[in-house]
Amino acid sequence: MLFIKSLFTSSTAQVALFALVSLMLLPGCSSSPSSNDVNKQTAKDPSLDGMNKDIVDLVSLDTNRANNSTSISASSTDTHNVYLEQASQRLADVPASVLSQYQQAISHMKNQQWQAANSLFDKVIAAQPQLSGAYVNKAIIAMDLQQLDQADALLVQAIAVNNNNPYAHQIKANIARRQGQYAQAEQGYLTALTLWPQYPQAQLNLAILLELYRGKLLQARQYYLAYLVNQPNDEQAKRWLAGVEIKIQRAGLTLPDNANGAG
């Protein structure tokens, strides 16, 4: 079953430049999975089909704030997003011509005109190599074209120029998960959540990873709960939460109160 959730839209008036980001629930394998697990394991990578309503959100391109945090709580109520907080300052000196090229590239992405979009993103990178959003968008295109190694390399570049980009860490974690690098994927999701503690896609993907591939049922439950605080109408996630709670009880573990898990 395809499961795709859209991200939040930034409406900050000062932000003139955007980066395209997407949620990807990636396939995997497990021994003797339940039907509930199969539903999660076989969730497909979304293409950019129907992206306006299903997949993407437009967020500011880049920021320049140092990340001083090293860990977060799954139940954190911290709503800050390190990446967005100084977006207008980061973009203040970006020439109008580069802004225009970036916006045109986004338009080409919406129309799945990959070559044209990539060409414009390359021009943006040549002019402003310190901005990570273009690398992330090129990585998303590469993933849609099933070029995972290229996508991963582009995300490495995005993180190198701005380690505070949570979307780069989230998408890179998705690739690691798909490649069976579960410890690396877990760290990537945690890093994304350090930068944006209420990043919904990172919360949900981490919950799935912890449940199915890391055997950390109690922690998985915390992240499902944290996700549902801000996405209370996601019925599929509610079923997955119920499923992990059954697993916890069958494992003889103590099921914490919801208040302790949700924060």
C-alpha atoms as a PDB file:
ATOM      1  CA  MET A   1       0.000   0.000   0.000  1.00  0.00           C
ATOM      2  CA  LEU A   2       1.394   3.385  -0.969  1.00  0.00           C
ATOM      3  CA  PHE A   3       1.705   5.724   1.945  1.00  0.00           C
ATOM      4  CA  ILE A   4       2.618   9.339   1.272  1.00  0.00           C
ATOM      5  CA  LYS A   5       2.284  12.299   3.574  1.00  0.00           C
ATOM      6  CA  SER A   6       2.912  15.882   2.543  1.00  0.00           C
ATOM      7  CA  LEU A   7       5.204  18.178   4.467  1.00  0.00           C
ATOM      8  CA  PHE A   8       4.344  21.515   6.008  1.00  0.00           C
ATOM      9  CA  THR A   9       4.354  24.655   3.880  1.00  0.00           C
ATOM     10  CA  SER A  10       6.469  27.613   4.883  1.00  0.00           C
ATOM     11  CA  SER A  11       4.616  30.879   4.317  1.00  0.00           C
ATOM     12  CA  THR A  12       7.350  33.236   5.544  1.00  0.00           C
ATOM     13  CA  ALA A  13       7.019  36.336   3.388  1.00  0.00           C
ATOM     14  CA  GLN A  14      10.738  37.075   3.379  1.00  0.00           C
ATOM     15  CA  VAL A  15      11.709  33.688   1.985  1.00  0.00           C
ATOM     16  CA  ALA A  16      12.061  33.948  -1.779  1.00  0.00           C
ATOM     17  CA  LEU A  17      13.934  30.761  -2.520  1.00  0.00           C
ATOM     18  CA  PHE A  18      12.751  27.232  -1.933  1.00  0.00           C
ATOM     19  CA  ALA A  19      13.986  23.657  -1.707  1.00  0.00           C
ATOM     20  CA  LEU A  20      11.864  20.690  -2.686  1.00  0.00           C
ATOM     21  CA  VAL A  21      11.651  17.919  -0.117  1.00  0.00           C
ATOM     22  CA  SER A  22       9.704  14.664   0.039  1.00  0.00           C
ATOM     23  CA  LEU A  23       8.680  11.857   2.356  1.00  0.00           C
ATOM     24  CA  MET A  24       9.839   8.401   1.391  1.00  0.00           C
ATOM     25  CA  LEU A  25       8.782   5.300   3.243  1.00  0.00           C
ATOM     26  CA  LEU A  26      11.150   2.721   1.906  1.00  0.00           C
ATOM     27  CA  PRO A  27      10.844  -1.029   1.302  1.00  0.00           C
ATOM     28  CA  GLY A  28      12.590  -3.610   3.395  1.00  0.00           C
ATOM     29  CA  CYS A  29      12.362  -7.192   4.552  1.00  0.00           C
ATOM     30  CA  SER A  30      11.730  -9.053   7.766  1.00  0.00           C
ATOM     31  CA  SER A  31      11.252 -12.613   8.862  1.00  0.00           C
ATOM     32  CA  SER A  32       7.665 -13.686   9.547  1.00  0.00           C
ATOM     33  CA  PRO A  33       6.170 -10.204   9.218  1.00  0.00           C
ATOM     34  CA  SER A  34       2.623  -9.469  10.274  1.00  0.00           C
ATOM     35  CA  SER A  35       0.241  -7.991   7.740  1.00  0.00           C
ATOM     36  CA  ASN A  36       0.709  -4.667   9.494  1.00  0.00           C
ATOM     37  CA  ASP A  37       4.478  -4.910   9.022  1.00  0.00           C
ATOM     38  CA  VAL A  38       4.129  -5.873   5.365  1.00  0.00           C
ATOM     39  CA  ASN A  39       2.116  -2.719   4.842  1.00  0.00           C
ATOM     40  CA  LYS A  40       5.007  -0.665   6.143  1.00  0.00           C
ATOM     41  CA  GLN A  41       7.740  -2.686   4.462  1.00  0.00           C
ATOM     42  CA  THR A  42       6.199  -2.499   1.011  1.00  0.00           C
ATOM     43  CA  ALA A  43       5.403   1.209   1.086  1.00  0.00           C
ATOM     44  CA  LYS A  44       6.842   2.539  -2.154  1.00  0.00           C
ATOM     45  CA  ASP A  45       9.140   5.446  -2.778  1.00  0.00           C
ATOM     46  CA  PRO A  46       6.942   8.197  -4.114  1.00  0.00           C
ATOM     47  CA  SER A  47       7.711   9.493  -7.559  1.00  0.00           C
ATOM     48  CA  LEU A  48       6.959  13.113  -8.238  1.00  0.00           C
ATOM     49  CA  ASP A  49       3.622  12.221  -9.840  1.00  0.00           C
ATOM     50  CA  GLY A  50       0.885  14.357  -8.322  1.00  0.00           C
ATOM     51  CA  MET A  51       3.514  16.070  -6.236  1.00  0.00           C
ATOM     52  CA  ASN A  52       1.495  19.219  -5.561  1.00  0.00           C
ATOM     53  CA  LYS A  53      -1.058  17.434  -3.410  1.00  0.00           C
ATOM     54  CA  ASP A  54       0.776  14.380  -2.138  1.00  0.00           C
ATOM     55  CA  ILE A  55       4.488  14.714  -1.747  1.00  0.00           C
ATOM     56  CA  VAL A  56       6.225  17.997  -1.564  1.00  0.00           C
ATOM     57  CA  ASP A  57       6.394  21.121   0.446  1.00  0.00           C
ATOM     58  CA  LEU A  58       8.258  24.276  -0.324  1.00  0.00           C
ATOM     59  CA  VAL A  59      10.661  25.379   2.361  1.00  0.00           C
ATOM     60  CA  SER A  60      13.393  27.974   2.470  1.00  0.00           C
ATOM     61  CA  LEU A  61      16.611  27.068   0.732  1.00  0.00           C
ATOM     62  CA  ASP A  62      19.267  27.500   3.350  1.00  0.00           C
ATOM     63  CA  THR A  63      20.331  28.904   6.697  1.00  0.00           C
ATOM     64  CA  ASN A  64      23.623  29.545   8.422  1.00  0.00           C
ATOM     65  CA  ARG A  65      23.052  28.775  12.083  1.00  0.00           C
ATOM     66  CA  ALA A  66      25.412  26.461  13.926  1.00  0.00           C
ATOM     67  CA  ASN A  67      23.915  23.337  15.420  1.00  0.00           C
ATOM     68  CA  ASN A  68      24.795  23.083  19.091  1.00  0.00           C
ATOM     69  CA  SER A  69      22.382  20.270  19.966  1.00  0.00           C
ATOM     70  CA  THR A  70      23.500  16.657  20.152  1.00  0.00           C
ATOM     71  CA  SER A  71      20.315  14.794  21.078  1.00  0.00           C
ATOM     72  CA  ILE A  72      16.563  15.160  21.343  1.00  0.00           C
ATOM     73  CA  SER A  73      13.652  13.533  23.060  1.00  0.00           C
ATOM     74  CA  ALA A  74      11.104  11.704  20.955  1.00  0.00           C
ATOM     75  CA  SER A  75       8.409  13.559  22.848  1.00  0.00           C
ATOM     76  CA  SER A  76       9.965  17.001  22.439  1.00  0.00           C
ATOM     77  CA  THR A  77       7.549  19.906  22.104  1.00  0.00           C
ATOM     78  CA  ASP A  78      10.322  22.126  20.696  1.00  0.00           C
ATOM     79  CA  THR A  79       8.961  23.603  17.473  1.00  0.00           C
ATOM     80  CA  HIS A  80      12.099  25.358  16.256  1.00  0.00           C
ATOM     81  CA  ASN A  81      13.629  24.485  12.907  1.00  0.00           C
ATOM     82  CA  VAL A  82      17.311  25.366  12.826  1.00  0.00           C
ATOM     83  CA  TYR A  83      17.330  25.326   9.045  1.00  0.00           C
ATOM     84  CA  LEU A  84      14.582  27.920   8.685  1.00  0.00           C
ATOM     85  CA  GLU A  85      15.363  30.275  11.521  1.00  0.00           C
ATOM     86  CA  GLN A  86      17.878  32.414   9.651  1.00  0.00           C
ATOM     87  CA  ALA A  87      16.663  31.789   6.118  1.00  0.00           C
ATOM     88  CA  SER A  88      16.081  35.434   5.231  1.00  0.00           C
ATOM     89  CA  GLN A  89      19.562  36.353   6.496  1.00  0.00           C
ATOM     90  CA  ARG A  90      21.132  33.521   4.527  1.00  0.00           C
ATOM     91  CA  LEU A  91      19.344  34.558   1.327  1.00  0.00           C
ATOM     92  CA  ALA A  92      19.828  38.307   1.675  1.00  0.00           C
ATOM     93  CA  ASP A  93      22.824  38.476  -0.654  1.00  0.00           C
ATOM     94  CA  VAL A  94      21.640  35.959  -3.224  1.00  0.00           C
ATOM     95  CA  PRO A  95      21.293  37.741  -6.597  1.00  0.00           C
ATOM     96  CA  ALA A  96      17.849  38.037  -8.122  1.00  0.00           C
ATOM     97  CA  SER A  97      19.045  36.169 -11.201  1.00  0.00           C
ATOM     98  CA  VAL A  98      19.914  33.137  -9.068  1.00  0.00           C
ATOM     99  CA  LEU A  99      16.542  33.304  -7.321  1.00  0.00           C
ATOM    100  CA  SER A 100      14.848  33.323 -10.692  1.00  0.00           C
ATOM    101  CA  GLN A 101      16.874  30.328 -11.909  1.00  0.00           C
ATOM    102  CA  TYR A 102      16.006  28.417  -8.770  1.00  0.00           C
ATOM    103  CA  GLN A 103      12.308  29.123  -9.078  1.00  0.00           C
ATOM    104  CA  GLN A 104      12.383  28.077 -12.735  1.00  0.00           C
ATOM    105  CA  ALA A 105      14.108  24.842 -11.745  1.00  0.00           C
ATOM    106  CA  ILE A 106      11.363  24.126  -9.205  1.00  0.00           C
ATOM    107  CA  SER A 107       8.780  24.712 -11.928  1.00  0.00           C
ATOM    108  CA  HIS A 108      10.569  22.235 -14.182  1.00  0.00           C
ATOM    109  CA  MET A 109      10.570  19.694 -11.350  1.00  0.00           C
ATOM    110  CA  LYS A 110       6.824  20.048 -10.980  1.00  0.00           C
ATOM    111  CA  ASN A 111       6.501  19.213 -14.666  1.00  0.00           C
ATOM    112  CA  GLN A 112       8.999  16.337 -14.334  1.00  0.00           C
ATOM    113  CA  GLN A 113      11.372  18.050 -16.759  1.00  0.00           C
ATOM    114  CA  TRP A 114      14.424  16.593 -15.080  1.00  0.00           C
ATOM    115  CA  GLN A 115      17.106  17.658 -17.550  1.00  0.00           C
ATOM    116  CA  ALA A 116      15.969  21.269 -17.591  1.00  0.00           C
ATOM    117  CA  ALA A 117      15.678  21.335 -13.799  1.00  0.00           C
ATOM    118  CA  ASN A 118      19.118  19.811 -13.315  1.00  0.00           C
ATOM    119  CA  SER A 119      20.667  22.287 -15.714  1.00  0.00           C
ATOM    120  CA  LEU A 120      19.270  25.239 -13.778  1.00  0.00           C
ATOM    121  CA  PHE A 121      20.237  23.752 -10.406  1.00  0.00           C
ATOM    122  CA  ASP A 122      23.773  23.357 -11.745  1.00  0.00           C
ATOM    123  CA  LYS A 123      23.797  27.066 -12.579  1.00  0.00           C
ATOM    124  CA  VAL A 124      22.545  27.878  -9.068  1.00  0.00           C
ATOM    125  CA  ILE A 125      25.299  25.738  -7.546  1.00  0.00           C
ATOM    126  CA  ALA A 126      27.943  27.385  -9.753  1.00  0.00           C
ATOM    127  CA  ALA A 127      26.784  30.814  -8.603  1.00  0.00           C
ATOM    128  CA  GLN A 128      26.025  29.993  -4.940  1.00  0.00           C
ATOM    129  CA  PRO A 129      27.820  26.728  -4.012  1.00  0.00           C
ATOM    130  CA  GLN A 130      27.281  27.340  -0.308  1.00  0.00           C
ATOM    131  CA  LEU A 131      23.504  26.858  -0.587  1.00  0.00           C
ATOM    132  CA  SER A 132      22.450  23.274   0.032  1.00  0.00           C
ATOM    133  CA  GLY A 133      18.928  23.298  -1.396  1.00  0.00           C
ATOM    134  CA  ALA A 134      19.981  22.819  -5.015  1.00  0.00           C
ATOM    135  CA  TYR A 135      21.969  19.703  -4.090  1.00  0.00           C
ATOM    136  CA  VAL A 136      18.942  18.300  -2.255  1.00  0.00           C
ATOM    137  CA  ASN A 137      16.670  18.917  -5.226  1.00  0.00           C
ATOM    138  CA  LYS A 138      19.135  17.284  -7.603  1.00  0.00           C
ATOM    139  CA  ALA A 139      19.243  14.312  -5.212  1.00  0.00           C
ATOM    140  CA  ILE A 140      15.438  14.041  -5.304  1.00  0.00           C
ATOM    141  CA  ILE A 141      15.558  13.984  -9.103  1.00  0.00           C
ATOM    142  CA  ALA A 142      18.260  11.304  -9.017  1.00  0.00           C
ATOM    143  CA  MET A 143      16.142   9.198  -6.663  1.00  0.00           C
ATOM    144  CA  ASP A 144      13.135   9.502  -8.935  1.00  0.00           C
ATOM    145  CA  LEU A 145      15.375   8.229 -11.730  1.00  0.00           C
ATOM    146  CA  GLN A 146      16.506   5.325  -9.489  1.00  0.00           C
ATOM    147  CA  GLN A 147      20.065   6.695  -9.328  1.00  0.00           C
ATOM    148  CA  LEU A 148      20.567   6.114  -5.615  1.00  0.00           C
ATOM    149  CA  ASP A 149      24.353   6.335  -5.548  1.00  0.00           C
ATOM    150  CA  GLN A 150      24.255   9.667  -7.319  1.00  0.00           C
ATOM    151  CA  ALA A 151      21.510  10.886  -4.994  1.00  0.00           C
ATOM    152  CA  ASP A 152      23.536   9.875  -1.948  1.00  0.00           C
ATOM    153  CA  ALA A 153      26.618  11.693  -3.259  1.00  0.00           C
ATOM    154  CA  LEU A 154      24.570  14.844  -3.811  1.00  0.00           C
ATOM    155  CA  LEU A 155      23.216  14.659  -0.261  1.00  0.00           C
ATOM    156  CA  VAL A 156      26.761  14.311   1.051  1.00  0.00           C
ATOM    157  CA  GLN A 157      27.534  17.564  -0.761  1.00  0.00           C
ATOM    158  CA  ALA A 158      24.412  19.237   0.650  1.00  0.00           C
ATOM    159  CA  ILE A 159      25.380  18.266   4.190  1.00  0.00           C
ATOM    160  CA  ALA A 160      28.983  19.348   3.612  1.00  0.00           C
ATOM    161  CA  VAL A 161      27.917  22.894   2.726  1.00  0.00           C
ATOM    162  CA  ASN A 162      25.186  23.071   5.378  1.00  0.00           C
ATOM    163  CA  ASN A 163      25.090  20.417   8.080  1.00  0.00           C
ATOM    164  CA  ASN A 164      21.952  22.097   9.450  1.00  0.00           C
ATOM    165  CA  ASN A 165      19.720  20.965   6.570  1.00  0.00           C
ATOM    166  CA  PRO A 166      17.310  18.439   8.141  1.00  0.00           C
ATOM    167  CA  TYR A 167      15.813  17.483   4.780  1.00  0.00           C
ATOM    168  CA  ALA A 168      19.200  16.351   3.488  1.00  0.00           C
ATOM    169  CA  HIS A 169      19.727  14.172   6.575  1.00  0.00           C
ATOM    170  CA  GLN A 170      16.190  12.748   6.335  1.00  0.00           C
ATOM    171  CA  ILE A 171      16.450  11.810   2.664  1.00  0.00           C
ATOM    172  CA  LYS A 172      19.954  10.410   3.099  1.00  0.00           C
ATOM    173  CA  ALA A 173      18.644   8.270   5.960  1.00  0.00           C
ATOM    174  CA  ASN A 174      15.952   6.949   3.632  1.00  0.00           C
ATOM    175  CA  ILE A 175      18.622   5.833   1.184  1.00  0.00           C
ATOM    176  CA  ALA A 176      20.610   4.180   3.973  1.00  0.00           C
ATOM    177  CA  ARG A 177      17.488   2.348   5.126  1.00  0.00           C
ATOM    178  CA  ARG A 178      16.795   1.129   1.609  1.00  0.00           C
ATOM    179  CA  GLN A 179      20.358  -0.184   1.387  1.00  0.00           C
ATOM    180  CA  GLY A 180      20.063  -2.052   4.681  1.00  0.00           C
ATOM    181  CA  GLN A 181      22.304   0.342   6.595  1.00  0.00           C
ATOM    182  CA  TYR A 182      19.935   0.593   9.523  1.00  0.00           C
ATOM    183  CA  ALA A 183      22.278   2.060  12.131  1.00  0.00           C
ATOM    184  CA  GLN A 184      23.281   4.787   9.701  1.00  0.00           C
ATOM    185  CA  ALA A 185      19.632   5.442   8.855  1.00  0.00           C
ATOM    186  CA  GLU A 186      18.738   5.739  12.538  1.00  0.00           C
ATOM    187  CA  GLN A 187      21.495   8.281  13.092  1.00  0.00           C
ATOM    188  CA  GLY A 188      20.364  10.263  10.058  1.00  0.00           C
ATOM    189  CA  TYR A 189      16.787  10.505  11.295  1.00  0.00           C
ATOM    190  CA  LEU A 190      18.000  11.494  14.764  1.00  0.00           C
ATOM    191  CA  THR A 191      20.181  14.210  13.265  1.00  0.00           C
ATOM    192  CA  ALA A 192      17.243  15.556  11.279  1.00  0.00           C
ATOM    193  CA  LEU A 193      15.173  15.624  14.473  1.00  0.00           C
ATOM    194  CA  THR A 194      17.920  17.424  16.337  1.00  0.00           C
ATOM    195  CA  LEU A 195      17.611  20.191  13.769  1.00  0.00           C
ATOM    196  CA  TRP A 196      13.812  20.100  13.667  1.00  0.00           C
ATOM    197  CA  PRO A 197      12.378  18.206  16.661  1.00  0.00           C
ATOM    198  CA  GLN A 198       8.862  18.070  15.198  1.00  0.00           C
ATOM    199  CA  TYR A 199       9.848  17.063  11.666  1.00  0.00           C
ATOM    200  CA  PRO A 200       6.892  14.726  10.975  1.00  0.00           C
ATOM    201  CA  GLN A 201       8.422  12.571   8.245  1.00  0.00           C
ATOM    202  CA  ALA A 202      11.574  11.972  10.251  1.00  0.00           C
ATOM    203  CA  GLN A 203       9.470  11.021  13.298  1.00  0.00           C
ATOM    204  CA  LEU A 204       7.408   8.530  11.312  1.00  0.00           C
ATOM    205  CA  ASN A 205      10.295   7.032   9.358  1.00  0.00           C
ATOM    206  CA  LEU A 206      12.327   6.648  12.530  1.00  0.00           C
ATOM    207  CA  ALA A 207       9.404   4.944  14.263  1.00  0.00           C
ATOM    208  CA  ILE A 208       9.123   2.430  11.416  1.00  0.00           C
ATOM    209  CA  LEU A 209      12.873   1.848  11.377  1.00  0.00           C
ATOM    210  CA  LEU A 210      13.043   1.304  15.134  1.00  0.00           C
ATOM    211  CA  GLU A 211      10.092  -1.065  15.099  1.00  0.00           C
ATOM    212  CA  LEU A 212      10.917  -3.222  12.097  1.00  0.00           C
ATOM    213  CA  TYR A 213      14.684  -3.143  11.788  1.00  0.00           C
ATOM    214  CA  ARG A 214      16.189  -2.111  15.124  1.00  0.00           C
ATOM    215  CA  GLY A 215      13.984  -4.008  17.572  1.00  0.00           C
ATOM    216  CA  LYS A 216      13.475  -0.904  19.729  1.00  0.00           C
ATOM    217  CA  LEU A 217       9.751  -1.179  20.284  1.00  0.00           C
ATOM    218  CA  LEU A 218       9.370   1.259  23.173  1.00  0.00           C
ATOM    219  CA  GLN A 219      11.315   3.949  21.341  1.00  0.00           C
ATOM    220  CA  ALA A 220       9.358   3.289  18.167  1.00  0.00           C
ATOM    221  CA  ARG A 221       6.128   3.823  20.096  1.00  0.00           C
ATOM    222  CA  GLN A 222       7.404   7.174  21.368  1.00  0.00           C
ATOM    223  CA  TYR A 223       8.052   8.386  17.846  1.00  0.00           C
ATOM    224  CA  TYR A 224       4.684   7.196  16.570  1.00  0.00           C
ATOM    225  CA  LEU A 225       3.075   9.142  19.417  1.00  0.00           C
ATOM    226  CA  ALA A 226       5.184  12.220  18.739  1.00  0.00           C
ATOM    227  CA  TYR A 227       4.231  12.101  15.066  1.00  0.00           C
ATOM    228  CA  LEU A 228       0.537  11.761  15.868  1.00  0.00           C
ATOM    229  CA  VAL A 229       0.588  14.820  18.129  1.00  0.00           C
ATOM    230  CA  ASN A 230       0.834  16.988  15.020  1.00  0.00           C
ATOM    231  CA  GLN A 231      -0.743  14.541  12.563  1.00  0.00           C
ATOM    232  CA  PRO A 232      -3.770  13.367  14.598  1.00  0.00           C
ATOM    233  CA  ASN A 233      -5.847  12.382  11.559  1.00  0.00           C
ATOM    234  CA  ASP A 234      -3.381   9.885  10.130  1.00  0.00           C
ATOM    235  CA  GLU A 235      -5.400   6.711  10.541  1.00  0.00           C
ATOM    236  CA  GLN A 236      -2.686   4.484   9.064  1.00  0.00           C
ATOM    237  CA  ALA A 237      -0.147   5.698  11.615  1.00  0.00           C
ATOM    238  CA  LYS A 238      -2.693   5.068  14.373  1.00  0.00           C
ATOM    239  CA  ARG A 239      -2.970   1.463  13.233  1.00  0.00           C
ATOM    240  CA  TRP A 240       0.793   1.134  13.185  1.00  0.00           C
ATOM    241  CA  LEU A 241       0.956   2.533  16.708  1.00  0.00           C
ATOM    242  CA  ALA A 242      -1.624  -0.021  17.843  1.00  0.00           C
ATOM    243  CA  GLY A 243       0.432  -2.739  16.203  1.00  0.00           C
ATOM    244  CA  VAL A 244       3.661  -1.805  17.956  1.00  0.00           C
ATOM    245  CA  GLU A 245       1.796  -1.654  21.293  1.00  0.00           C
ATOM    246  CA  ILE A 246       0.639  -5.239  20.750  1.00  0.00           C
ATOM    247  CA  LYS A 247       4.241  -6.242  20.070  1.00  0.00           C
ATOM    248  CA  ILE A 248       5.372  -4.517  23.266  1.00  0.00           C
ATOM    249  CA  GLN A 249       2.804  -6.387  25.339  1.00  0.00           C
ATOM    250  CA  ARG A 250       3.650  -9.712  23.710  1.00  0.00           C
ATOM    251  CA  ALA A 251       7.319  -9.113  24.468  1.00  0.00           C
ATOM    252  CA  GLY A 252       6.446  -8.785  28.166  1.00  0.00           C
ATOM    253  CA  LEU A 253       7.478  -5.140  28.286  1.00  0.00           C
ATOM    254  CA  THR A 254       5.683  -2.487  30.279  1.00  0.00           C
ATOM    255  CA  LEU A 255       3.567  -0.223  28.154  1.00  0.00           C
ATOM    256  CA  PRO A 256       4.104   3.373  29.326  1.00  0.00           C
ATOM    257  CA  ASP A 257       1.256   5.797  29.711  1.00  0.00           C
ATOM    258  CA  ASN A 258       0.545   7.813  26.560  1.00  0.00           C
ATOM    259  CA  ALA A 259       1.358  10.965  28.439  1.00  0.00           C
ATOM    260  CA  ASN A 260       4.886   9.737  29.055  1.00  0.00           C
ATOM    261  CA  GLY A 261       5.392   8.823  25.433  1.00  0.00           C
ATOM    262  CA  ALA A 262       3.802  11.836  23.779  1.00  0.00           C
ATOM    263  CA  GLY A 263       5.216  14.494  26.061  1.00  0.00           C
END
